[in-house]
Amino acid sequence: YFDNGKPIQYFPIQNGHPGIFQFIELQIMDNHGNKEYTCVYRFRVHGLP
C-alpha cells in the first residue's frame, strides 16, 4: 500500500498459481505508529471464475 497513492489500490498476485483458493492471507508489515493493533477498513479480493 502506498501512503500517497489513491484510496483504492491494485496489486498483482506474486508467483501466481491458477486455481481456486479457499483462503487468502493478508500480512500487515507496518501499522505506522500503534504497536497494539492495526485497523483495516476494507480488504477486497477479485478474480475470474
Protein backbone atom coordinates (compact mmCIF):
# COMPACT_ATOMS: atom_id res chain seq x y z
CA TYR A 1 0.00 0.00 0.00
CA PHE A 2 1.34 3.40 -0.95
CA ASP A 3 0.63 6.16 1.61
CA ASN A 4 0.44 8.84 -1.05
CA GLY A 5 -1.50 6.67 -3.51
CA LYS A 6 -5.19 6.52 -4.35
CA PRO A 7 -7.63 5.18 -1.73
CA ILE A 8 -8.21 2.03 -3.82
CA GLN A 9 -5.00 0.38 -5.00
CA TYR A 10 -4.47 -2.77 -7.07
CA PHE A 11 -1.58 -5.19 -6.79
CA PRO A 12 -0.89 -8.29 -8.89
CA ILE A 13 -0.51 -11.64 -7.17
CA GLN A 14 3.12 -12.59 -6.74
CA ASN A 15 4.06 -16.05 -8.00
CA GLY A 16 0.53 -16.55 -9.28
CA HIS A 17 -0.87 -20.04 -9.36
CA PRO A 18 -4.05 -20.62 -11.36
CA GLY A 19 -6.77 -22.30 -9.41
CA ILE A 20 -9.42 -21.82 -6.76
CA PHE A 21 -8.41 -20.84 -3.26
CA GLN A 22 -10.36 -21.26 -0.05
CA PHE A 23 -8.28 -18.74 1.94
CA ILE A 24 -6.28 -15.57 1.30
CA GLU A 25 -3.75 -14.31 3.84
CA LEU A 26 -3.14 -10.60 4.41
CA GLN A 27 0.15 -9.79 6.14
CA ILE A 28 0.45 -6.36 7.79
CA MET A 29 4.12 -5.39 7.79
CA ASP A 30 3.82 -1.95 9.45
CA ASN A 31 0.98 -0.04 11.06
CA HIS A 32 2.56 3.43 11.15
CA GLY A 33 2.58 4.02 14.89
CA ASN A 34 0.34 1.81 17.01
CA LYS A 35 2.15 -1.26 18.36
CA GLU A 36 -1.02 -2.83 19.81
CA TYR A 37 -3.17 -3.28 16.71
CA THR A 38 -3.72 -2.43 13.05
CA CYS A 39 -7.08 -1.23 11.76
CA VAL A 40 -8.09 -2.43 8.28
CA TYR A 41 -11.30 -0.87 7.00
CA ARG A 42 -11.69 -2.96 3.86
CA PHE A 43 -9.77 -5.72 2.11
CA ARG A 44 -11.17 -6.87 -1.22
CA VAL A 45 -10.10 -9.70 -3.50
CA HIS A 46 -11.41 -10.07 -7.03
CA GLY A 47 -10.86 -12.75 -9.60
CA LEU A 48 -12.32 -14.56 -12.54
CA PRO A 49 -14.26 -17.81 -12.14
